[in-house]
Amino acid sequence: MARPRLSARERTLALGAGVVVVMWIAVAWLGYPLWDRFLFLQQQGEVSARKLTRLQELAQRKPTIEQAYARYAEYLSDQSDEAIQGAFLDELEQLARTGNLDVSLKPLPVQRQGDVRRLGVEVEVGATQDALLNFLDRVFAWPALVEVVRLRISTTVSKERPLRALLVLNRVVLLP
């Protein structure tokens, strides 16, 4: 059985249909995945360009950022609570010694709130009015972050130390 011969027009149509099918397969298997990959890479490039622009802006602002960090760096500490509280008590005792005051210190439990630690101390001071005011001025002018939670001043019967002050102080420390 012989196959009938195709005319030139039929061969051209068959060749055209074959080319269309091959092109459709090529686009489906290669074109779409390559196009998707191109769009993904273009999006990644845009994101990277935005990040680079932001990093360049931050690099230009570096001196002001370092100044702001330096302002707060003295309040940051990665030491243990016991070490910080011990140093705080030592500093309070040294302040009391320089003013020749009778001081009693009682550490309070550490309070933690996120990245902030509050190390409390109850301070009882017996002194004259001038000595007590000098001590309070030095505590309030302390370069560390210190909160005065309570301050109560009362009189005593003693002639040498007529005033008694009860302070509850918190040393505020930020975690880095």
N, C-alpha and C. Protein backbone atom coordinates (compact mmCIF):
# COMPACT_ATOMS: atom_id res chain seq x y z
N MET A 1 0.81 -1.15 0.00
CA MET A 1 0.00 0.00 0.00
C MET A 1 0.87 1.24 0.00
N ALA A 2 0.61 1.99 -0.93
CA ALA A 2 1.42 3.18 -1.11
C ALA A 2 0.73 4.37 -0.47
N ARG A 3 1.57 5.16 0.12
CA ARG A 3 1.01 6.38 0.73
C ARG A 3 0.81 7.42 -0.35
N PRO A 4 -0.28 8.15 -0.20
CA PRO A 4 -0.46 9.19 -1.20
C PRO A 4 0.55 10.31 -0.97
N ARG A 5 1.03 10.86 -2.00
CA ARG A 5 1.99 11.94 -1.91
C ARG A 5 1.29 13.22 -1.51
N LEU A 6 1.99 14.00 -0.66
CA LEU A 6 1.41 15.27 -0.22
C LEU A 6 1.79 16.36 -1.20
N SER A 7 0.88 17.24 -1.38
CA SER A 7 1.17 18.36 -2.27
C SER A 7 2.11 19.33 -1.57
N ALA A 8 2.66 20.25 -2.31
CA ALA A 8 3.60 21.24 -1.76
C ALA A 8 2.93 22.09 -0.69
N ARG A 9 1.70 22.41 -0.91
CA ARG A 9 0.98 23.22 0.07
C ARG A 9 0.77 22.43 1.35
N GLU A 10 0.43 21.18 1.28
CA GLU A 10 0.22 20.34 2.45
C GLU A 10 1.52 20.14 3.20
N ARG A 11 2.63 19.96 2.44
CA ARG A 11 3.95 19.83 3.10
C ARG A 11 4.30 21.11 3.84
N THR A 12 4.04 22.25 3.26
CA THR A 12 4.33 23.54 3.91
C THR A 12 3.49 23.68 5.18
N LEU A 13 2.22 23.31 5.11
CA LEU A 13 1.36 23.40 6.29
C LEU A 13 1.83 22.43 7.38
N ALA A 14 2.22 21.22 7.00
CA ALA A 14 2.71 20.24 7.97
C ALA A 14 4.01 20.73 8.60
N LEU A 15 4.88 21.28 7.78
CA LEU A 15 6.15 21.82 8.31
C LEU A 15 5.86 22.99 9.25
N GLY A 16 4.92 23.87 8.88
CA GLY A 16 4.54 25.01 9.72
C GLY A 16 3.96 24.54 11.05
N ALA A 17 3.09 23.49 10.98
CA ALA A 17 2.51 22.95 12.22
C ALA A 17 3.59 22.32 13.09
N GLY A 18 4.53 21.62 12.47
CA GLY A 18 5.64 21.03 13.23
C GLY A 18 6.48 22.10 13.91
N VAL A 19 6.77 23.18 13.18
CA VAL A 19 7.55 24.28 13.76
C VAL A 19 6.80 24.91 14.92
N VAL A 20 5.49 25.09 14.79
CA VAL A 20 4.68 25.69 15.87
C VAL A 20 4.70 24.77 17.09
N VAL A 21 4.56 23.47 16.90
CA VAL A 21 4.57 22.53 18.02
C VAL A 21 5.94 22.53 18.70
N VAL A 22 7.02 22.52 17.92
CA VAL A 22 8.37 22.56 18.49
C VAL A 22 8.59 23.87 19.25
N MET A 23 8.13 24.98 18.72
CA MET A 23 8.28 26.28 19.39
C MET A 23 7.47 26.30 20.70
N TRP A 24 6.26 25.73 20.65
CA TRP A 24 5.44 25.70 21.86
C TRP A 24 6.12 24.86 22.94
N ILE A 25 6.69 23.72 22.57
CA ILE A 25 7.41 22.87 23.52
C ILE A 25 8.63 23.60 24.07
N ALA A 26 9.37 24.27 23.19
CA ALA A 26 10.57 25.01 23.63
C ALA A 26 10.20 26.13 24.60
N VAL A 27 9.13 26.84 24.30
CA VAL A 27 8.70 27.93 25.19
C VAL A 27 8.20 27.36 26.51
N ALA A 28 7.44 26.26 26.47
CA ALA A 28 6.89 25.69 27.70
C ALA A 28 7.99 25.11 28.58
N TRP A 29 8.98 24.45 28.00
CA TRP A 29 10.01 23.79 28.80
C TRP A 29 11.19 24.70 29.12
N LEU A 30 11.46 25.64 28.24
CA LEU A 30 12.63 26.50 28.46
C LEU A 30 12.24 27.95 28.72
N GLY A 31 11.35 28.48 27.94
CA GLY A 31 11.03 29.91 28.00
C GLY A 31 10.41 30.34 29.32
N TYR A 32 9.36 29.66 29.73
CA TYR A 32 8.69 30.06 30.97
C TYR A 32 9.59 29.90 32.20
N PRO A 33 10.28 28.77 32.37
CA PRO A 33 11.19 28.69 33.52
C PRO A 33 12.30 29.74 33.48
N LEU A 34 12.83 29.99 32.29
CA LEU A 34 13.87 31.03 32.20
C LEU A 34 13.30 32.41 32.49
N TRP A 35 12.08 32.68 32.06
CA TRP A 35 11.44 33.97 32.33
C TRP A 35 11.17 34.13 33.83
N ASP A 36 10.67 33.09 34.46
CA ASP A 36 10.43 33.14 35.91
C ASP A 36 11.74 33.38 36.65
N ARG A 37 12.77 32.69 36.24
CA ARG A 37 14.08 32.86 36.89
C ARG A 37 14.60 34.28 36.67
N PHE A 38 14.41 34.83 35.47
CA PHE A 38 14.82 36.20 35.18
C PHE A 38 14.09 37.18 36.09
N LEU A 39 12.77 37.01 36.24
CA LEU A 39 12.00 37.91 37.12
C LEU A 39 12.45 37.80 38.57
N PHE A 40 12.74 36.57 39.02
CA PHE A 40 13.21 36.37 40.39
C PHE A 40 14.56 37.06 40.60
N LEU A 41 15.47 36.88 39.66
CA LEU A 41 16.79 37.52 39.78
C LEU A 41 16.69 39.04 39.69
N GLN A 42 15.78 39.53 38.87
CA GLN A 42 15.59 40.98 38.79
C GLN A 42 15.08 41.52 40.13
N GLN A 43 14.14 40.81 40.74
CA GLN A 43 13.61 41.23 42.04
C GLN A 43 14.72 41.19 43.10
N GLN A 44 15.53 40.14 43.11
CA GLN A 44 16.64 40.03 44.06
C GLN A 44 17.63 41.17 43.85
N GLY A 45 17.88 41.52 42.60
CA GLY A 45 18.79 42.63 42.29
C GLY A 45 18.26 43.95 42.83
N GLU A 46 16.96 44.17 42.68
CA GLU A 46 16.36 45.41 43.19
C GLU A 46 16.45 45.46 44.72
N VAL A 47 16.19 44.34 45.38
CA VAL A 47 16.28 44.29 46.84
C VAL A 47 17.73 44.54 47.28
N SER A 48 18.68 43.93 46.59
CA SER A 48 20.09 44.13 46.94
C SER A 48 20.50 45.57 46.70
N ALA A 49 19.99 46.19 45.65
CA ALA A 49 20.31 47.60 45.38
C ALA A 49 19.76 48.50 46.48
N ARG A 50 18.53 48.20 46.96
CA ARG A 50 17.96 48.99 48.06
C ARG A 50 18.77 48.81 49.34
N LYS A 51 19.19 47.57 49.61
CA LYS A 51 20.01 47.32 50.80
C LYS A 51 21.33 48.06 50.71
N LEU A 52 21.94 48.04 49.54
CA LEU A 52 23.21 48.73 49.35
C LEU A 52 23.05 50.22 49.54
N THR A 53 21.96 50.78 49.02
CA THR A 53 21.69 52.21 49.20
C THR A 53 21.52 52.53 50.68
N ARG A 54 20.80 51.70 51.39
CA ARG A 54 20.58 51.92 52.84
C ARG A 54 21.89 51.80 53.60
N LEU A 55 22.72 50.83 53.26
CA LEU A 55 24.01 50.69 53.92
C LEU A 55 24.92 51.89 53.64
N GLN A 56 24.85 52.42 52.44
CA GLN A 56 25.65 53.61 52.12
C GLN A 56 25.17 54.82 52.93
N GLU A 57 23.84 54.94 53.09
CA GLU A 57 23.30 56.02 53.93
C GLU A 57 23.77 55.87 55.37
N LEU A 58 23.74 54.63 55.88
CA LEU A 58 24.20 54.39 57.26
C LEU A 58 25.69 54.68 57.40
N ALA A 59 26.46 54.33 56.38
CA ALA A 59 27.90 54.60 56.43
C ALA A 59 28.16 56.10 56.46
N GLN A 60 27.35 56.88 55.78
CA GLN A 60 27.51 58.33 55.82
C GLN A 60 27.13 58.89 57.19
N ARG A 61 26.16 58.24 57.86
CA ARG A 61 25.72 58.70 59.18
C ARG A 61 26.51 58.07 60.31
N LYS A 62 27.55 57.34 60.01
CA LYS A 62 28.32 56.60 61.01
C LYS A 62 28.81 57.47 62.17
N PRO A 63 29.37 58.65 61.93
CA PRO A 63 29.83 59.46 63.08
C PRO A 63 28.71 59.82 64.06
N THR A 64 27.53 60.17 63.55
CA THR A 64 26.44 60.53 64.47
C THR A 64 25.92 59.30 65.21
N ILE A 65 25.91 58.15 64.53
CA ILE A 65 25.49 56.91 65.19
C ILE A 65 26.47 56.55 66.30
N GLU A 66 27.76 56.68 66.03
CA GLU A 66 28.77 56.37 67.06
C GLU A 66 28.68 57.33 68.24
N GLN A 67 28.38 58.59 67.98
CA GLN A 67 28.21 59.55 69.07
C GLN A 67 27.01 59.16 69.94
N ALA A 68 25.92 58.80 69.31
CA ALA A 68 24.73 58.41 70.07
C ALA A 68 25.01 57.14 70.87
N TYR A 69 25.74 56.19 70.29
CA TYR A 69 26.08 54.97 71.02
C TYR A 69 27.01 55.29 72.18
N ALA A 70 27.98 56.15 71.96
CA ALA A 70 28.93 56.50 73.03
C ALA A 70 28.21 57.15 74.21
N ARG A 71 27.15 57.88 73.91
CA ARG A 71 26.39 58.53 74.97
C ARG A 71 25.75 57.51 75.90
N TYR A 72 25.33 56.38 75.35
CA TYR A 72 24.65 55.35 76.14
C TYR A 72 25.55 54.18 76.50
N ALA A 73 26.74 54.12 75.95
CA ALA A 73 27.62 52.97 76.17
C ALA A 73 28.00 52.82 77.64
N GLU A 74 28.09 53.94 78.36
CA GLU A 74 28.46 53.84 79.77
C GLU A 74 27.38 53.18 80.62
N TYR A 75 26.14 53.14 80.10
CA TYR A 75 25.05 52.51 80.83
C TYR A 75 24.89 51.04 80.48
N LEU A 76 25.60 50.57 79.47
CA LEU A 76 25.53 49.17 79.06
C LEU A 76 26.51 48.36 79.89
N SER A 77 26.10 47.15 80.22
CA SER A 77 26.99 46.28 80.97
C SER A 77 26.60 44.83 80.72
N ASP A 78 27.62 44.01 80.54
CA ASP A 78 27.36 42.58 80.38
C ASP A 78 27.88 41.80 81.59
N GLN A 79 28.18 42.52 82.67
CA GLN A 79 28.63 41.87 83.90
C GLN A 79 27.44 41.21 84.59
N SER A 80 27.76 40.37 85.57
CA SER A 80 26.69 39.72 86.33
C SER A 80 26.04 40.73 87.27
N ASP A 81 24.83 40.41 87.69
CA ASP A 81 24.09 41.29 88.59
C ASP A 81 24.85 41.50 89.90
N GLU A 82 25.46 40.43 90.39
CA GLU A 82 26.18 40.52 91.67
C GLU A 82 27.37 41.47 91.56
N ALA A 83 28.09 41.41 90.45
CA ALA A 83 29.26 42.28 90.26
C ALA A 83 28.83 43.74 90.16
N ILE A 84 27.76 44.01 89.43
CA ILE A 84 27.28 45.39 89.29
C ILE A 84 26.76 45.91 90.62
N GLN A 85 26.01 45.07 91.34
CA GLN A 85 25.47 45.52 92.62
C GLN A 85 26.59 45.72 93.64
N GLY A 86 27.61 44.86 93.61
CA GLY A 86 28.76 45.05 94.51
C GLY A 86 29.48 46.35 94.23
N ALA A 87 29.68 46.67 92.95
CA ALA A 87 30.32 47.94 92.59
C ALA A 87 29.46 49.12 93.02
N PHE A 88 28.14 48.99 92.87
CA PHE A 88 27.22 50.05 93.28
C PHE A 88 27.30 50.29 94.78
N LEU A 89 27.32 49.23 95.56
CA LEU A 89 27.44 49.36 97.02
C LEU A 89 28.78 49.98 97.40
N ASP A 90 29.85 49.56 96.73
CA ASP A 90 31.17 50.14 97.01
C ASP A 90 31.19 51.64 96.72
N GLU A 91 30.58 52.04 95.61
CA GLU A 91 30.54 53.46 95.26
C GLU A 91 29.73 54.26 96.27
N LEU A 92 28.62 53.69 96.74
CA LEU A 92 27.82 54.38 97.76
C LEU A 92 28.60 54.50 99.08
N GLU A 93 29.32 53.45 99.46
CA GLU A 93 30.13 53.52 100.68
C GLU A 93 31.23 54.56 100.54
N GLN A 94 31.83 54.64 99.36
CA GLN A 94 32.89 55.63 99.14
C GLN A 94 32.31 57.04 99.22
N LEU A 95 31.12 57.26 98.66
CA LEU A 95 30.47 58.57 98.78
C LEU A 95 30.21 58.92 100.24
N ALA A 96 29.77 57.95 101.01
CA ALA A 96 29.48 58.18 102.42
C ALA A 96 30.77 58.47 103.19
N ARG A 97 31.85 57.75 102.85
CA ARG A 97 33.13 57.98 103.54
C ARG A 97 33.67 59.38 103.27
N THR A 98 33.55 59.84 102.02
CA THR A 98 34.07 61.17 101.70
C THR A 98 33.30 62.26 102.45
N GLY A 99 32.02 62.01 102.74
CA GLY A 99 31.23 62.98 103.49
C GLY A 99 31.21 62.71 104.98
N ASN A 100 31.96 61.69 105.45
CA ASN A 100 32.03 61.32 106.86
C ASN A 100 30.62 61.07 107.41
N LEU A 101 29.90 60.19 106.74
CA LEU A 101 28.52 59.89 107.11
C LEU A 101 28.42 58.50 107.70
N ASP A 102 27.40 58.33 108.53
CA ASP A 102 27.07 57.02 109.07
C ASP A 102 26.04 56.40 108.14
N VAL A 103 26.44 55.33 107.43
CA VAL A 103 25.59 54.76 106.38
C VAL A 103 25.34 53.29 106.63
N SER A 104 24.11 52.86 106.32
CA SER A 104 23.76 51.45 106.38
C SER A 104 23.15 51.10 105.03
N LEU A 105 23.70 50.07 104.38
CA LEU A 105 23.24 49.68 103.04
C LEU A 105 22.60 48.30 103.09
N LYS A 106 21.48 48.17 102.40
CA LYS A 106 20.80 46.88 102.33
C LYS A 106 20.42 46.62 100.87
N PRO A 107 21.09 45.65 100.24
CA PRO A 107 20.75 45.34 98.84
C PRO A 107 19.34 44.77 98.71
N LEU A 108 18.67 45.13 97.64
CA LEU A 108 17.33 44.64 97.34
C LEU A 108 17.40 43.71 96.13
N PRO A 109 16.38 42.89 95.92
CA PRO A 109 16.41 41.97 94.77
C PRO A 109 16.48 42.73 93.43
N VAL A 110 17.11 42.10 92.48
CA VAL A 110 17.25 42.68 91.14
C VAL A 110 15.93 42.54 90.39
N GLN A 111 15.52 43.62 89.75
CA GLN A 111 14.30 43.60 88.94
C GLN A 111 14.71 43.62 87.47
N ARG A 112 14.14 42.71 86.70
CA ARG A 112 14.46 42.64 85.27
C ARG A 112 13.21 42.95 84.46
N GLN A 113 13.38 43.84 83.49
CA GLN A 113 12.30 44.18 82.57
C GLN A 113 12.89 44.25 81.17
N GLY A 114 12.84 43.16 80.44
CA GLY A 114 13.40 43.12 79.10
C GLY A 114 14.92 43.27 79.15
N ASP A 115 15.43 44.31 78.50
CA ASP A 115 16.87 44.55 78.46
C ASP A 115 17.33 45.48 79.58
N VAL A 116 16.47 45.77 80.54
CA VAL A 116 16.79 46.70 81.62
C VAL A 116 16.82 45.93 82.94
N ARG A 117 17.90 46.18 83.71
CA ARG A 117 17.99 45.61 85.06
C ARG A 117 18.02 46.77 86.05
N ARG A 118 17.27 46.62 87.11
CA ARG A 118 17.27 47.62 88.19
C ARG A 118 17.82 46.94 89.44
N LEU A 119 18.96 47.45 89.91
CA LEU A 119 19.61 46.89 91.09
C LEU A 119 19.33 47.83 92.26
N GLY A 120 18.47 47.39 93.16
CA GLY A 120 18.02 48.25 94.24
C GLY A 120 18.88 48.17 95.49
N VAL A 121 18.96 49.30 96.19
CA VAL A 121 19.68 49.38 97.47
C VAL A 121 18.88 50.30 98.38
N GLU A 122 18.70 49.85 99.61
CA GLU A 122 18.09 50.70 100.63
C GLU A 122 19.22 51.32 101.43
N VAL A 123 19.24 52.64 101.46
CA VAL A 123 20.33 53.38 102.12
C VAL A 123 19.75 54.13 103.31
N GLU A 124 20.36 53.91 104.46
CA GLU A 124 19.97 54.65 105.66
C GLU A 124 21.17 55.50 106.07
N VAL A 125 20.95 56.82 106.15
CA VAL A 125 22.04 57.76 106.42
C VAL A 125 21.69 58.59 107.64
N GLY A 126 22.65 58.70 108.54
CA GLY A 126 22.52 59.61 109.67
C GLY A 126 23.59 60.68 109.52
N ALA A 127 23.18 61.97 109.55
CA ALA A 127 24.15 63.04 109.30
C ALA A 127 23.57 64.38 109.71
N THR A 128 24.43 65.39 109.60
CA THR A 128 23.96 66.76 109.79
C THR A 128 23.29 67.19 108.49
N GLN A 129 22.62 68.34 108.56
CA GLN A 129 21.90 68.80 107.38
C GLN A 129 22.83 69.06 106.21
N ASP A 130 23.96 69.74 106.45
CA ASP A 130 24.90 70.03 105.37
C ASP A 130 25.49 68.75 104.77
N ALA A 131 25.91 67.84 105.63
CA ALA A 131 26.50 66.60 105.15
C ALA A 131 25.48 65.78 104.36
N LEU A 132 24.25 65.73 104.85
CA LEU A 132 23.21 64.98 104.16
C LEU A 132 22.89 65.60 102.80
N LEU A 133 22.80 66.91 102.74
CA LEU A 133 22.53 67.57 101.45
C LEU A 133 23.68 67.37 100.47
N ASN A 134 24.92 67.41 100.96
CA ASN A 134 26.07 67.14 100.09
C ASN A 134 26.02 65.71 99.54
N PHE A 135 25.68 64.76 100.41
CA PHE A 135 25.57 63.36 99.99
C PHE A 135 24.48 63.21 98.93
N LEU A 136 23.32 63.81 99.17
CA LEU A 136 22.23 63.72 98.21
C LEU A 136 22.58 64.40 96.88
N ASP A 137 23.28 65.54 96.95
CA ASP A 137 23.72 66.20 95.71
C ASP A 137 24.64 65.29 94.91
N ARG A 138 25.56 64.62 95.58
CA ARG A 138 26.47 63.72 94.86
C ARG A 138 25.74 62.52 94.29
N VAL A 139 24.74 62.01 95.00
CA VAL A 139 23.96 60.88 94.48
C VAL A 139 23.16 61.32 93.26
N PHE A 140 22.54 62.50 93.33
CA PHE A 140 21.72 62.97 92.21
C PHE A 140 22.58 63.37 91.01
N ALA A 141 23.83 63.75 91.24
CA ALA A 141 24.73 64.15 90.15
C ALA A 141 25.56 62.98 89.63
N TRP A 142 25.27 61.80 90.07
CA TRP A 142 26.02 60.61 89.68
C TRP A 142 25.91 60.40 88.18
N PRO A 143 27.01 60.05 87.52
CA PRO A 143 26.94 59.85 86.06
C PRO A 143 26.17 58.59 85.65
N ALA A 144 26.00 57.65 86.55
CA ALA A 144 25.24 56.43 86.22
C ALA A 144 23.75 56.74 86.30
N LEU A 145 22.95 55.87 85.68
CA LEU A 145 21.51 56.02 85.77
C LEU A 145 21.04 55.51 87.13
N VAL A 146 20.57 56.43 87.96
CA VAL A 146 20.12 56.08 89.30
C VAL A 146 18.72 56.65 89.48
N GLU A 147 17.80 55.78 89.88
CA GLU A 147 16.44 56.20 90.19
C GLU A 147 16.30 56.31 91.70
N VAL A 148 15.69 57.37 92.14
CA VAL A 148 15.36 57.50 93.56
C VAL A 148 13.91 57.06 93.70
N VAL A 149 13.72 55.90 94.29
CA VAL A 149 12.38 55.34 94.43
C VAL A 149 11.68 55.96 95.63
N ARG A 150 12.43 56.14 96.72
CA ARG A 150 11.86 56.68 97.94
C ARG A 150 12.92 57.51 98.65
N LEU A 151 12.50 58.62 99.22
CA LEU A 151 13.38 59.46 100.03
C LEU A 151 12.56 59.97 101.20
N ARG A 152 13.00 59.60 102.40
CA ARG A 152 12.31 60.05 103.60
C ARG A 152 13.35 60.59 104.56
N ILE A 153 13.16 61.82 105.00
CA ILE A 153 14.10 62.47 105.94
C ILE A 153 13.34 62.74 107.23
N SER A 154 13.96 62.35 108.35
CA SER A 154 13.34 62.58 109.65
C SER A 154 14.42 63.07 110.62
N THR A 155 13.97 63.62 111.72
CA THR A 155 14.91 64.12 112.74
C THR A 155 15.14 63.05 113.79
N THR A 156 16.30 63.16 114.45
CA THR A 156 16.64 62.24 115.54
C THR A 156 16.96 63.06 116.77
N VAL A 157 17.20 62.40 117.88
CA VAL A 157 17.53 63.09 119.12
C VAL A 157 19.04 63.30 119.25
N SER A 158 19.82 62.73 118.36
CA SER A 158 21.28 62.83 118.42
C SER A 158 21.73 64.25 118.05
N LYS A 159 22.72 64.75 118.80
CA LYS A 159 23.27 66.09 118.51
C LYS A 159 24.26 66.02 117.35
N GLU A 160 25.01 64.88 117.23
CA GLU A 160 26.02 64.76 116.17
C GLU A 160 25.39 64.49 114.82
N ARG A 161 24.31 63.72 114.79
CA ARG A 161 23.64 63.36 113.53
C ARG A 161 22.14 63.61 113.73
N PRO A 162 21.72 64.89 113.59
CA PRO A 162 20.34 65.23 113.89
C PRO A 162 19.32 64.78 112.83
N LEU A 163 19.81 64.42 111.64
CA LEU A 163 18.88 63.98 110.59
C LEU A 163 19.15 62.53 110.21
N ARG A 164 18.08 61.86 109.86
CA ARG A 164 18.18 60.48 109.38
C ARG A 164 17.41 60.42 108.07
N ALA A 165 18.07 59.93 107.02
CA ALA A 165 17.43 59.81 105.70
C ALA A 165 17.35 58.34 105.32
N LEU A 166 16.23 57.97 104.77
CA LEU A 166 16.05 56.62 104.25
C LEU A 166 15.78 56.75 102.76
N LEU A 167 16.70 56.21 101.95
CA LEU A 167 16.59 56.27 100.50
C LEU A 167 16.48 54.86 99.94
N VAL A 168 15.68 54.71 98.92
CA VAL A 168 15.69 53.48 98.14
C VAL A 168 16.12 53.90 96.73
N LEU A 169 17.29 53.41 96.33
CA LEU A 169 17.87 53.76 95.04
C LEU A 169 17.90 52.55 94.13
N ASN A 170 17.67 52.78 92.87
CA ASN A 170 17.82 51.73 91.84
C ASN A 170 18.90 52.16 90.88
N ARG A 171 19.87 51.31 90.67
CA ARG A 171 20.87 51.55 89.61
C ARG A 171 20.33 50.86 88.37
N VAL A 172 20.14 51.61 87.31
CA VAL A 172 19.57 51.08 86.08
C VAL A 172 20.70 50.73 85.14
N VAL A 173 20.72 49.48 84.69
CA VAL A 173 21.75 48.99 83.77
C VAL A 173 21.06 48.41 82.55
N LEU A 174 21.58 48.76 81.38
CA LEU A 174 21.03 48.25 80.12
C LEU A 174 21.89 47.08 79.63
N LEU A 175 21.24 46.06 79.14
CA LEU A 175 21.97 44.93 78.58
C LEU A 175 22.34 45.26 77.13
N PRO A 176 23.57 44.91 76.72
CA PRO A 176 23.97 45.21 75.33
C PRO A 176 23.26 44.31 74.35
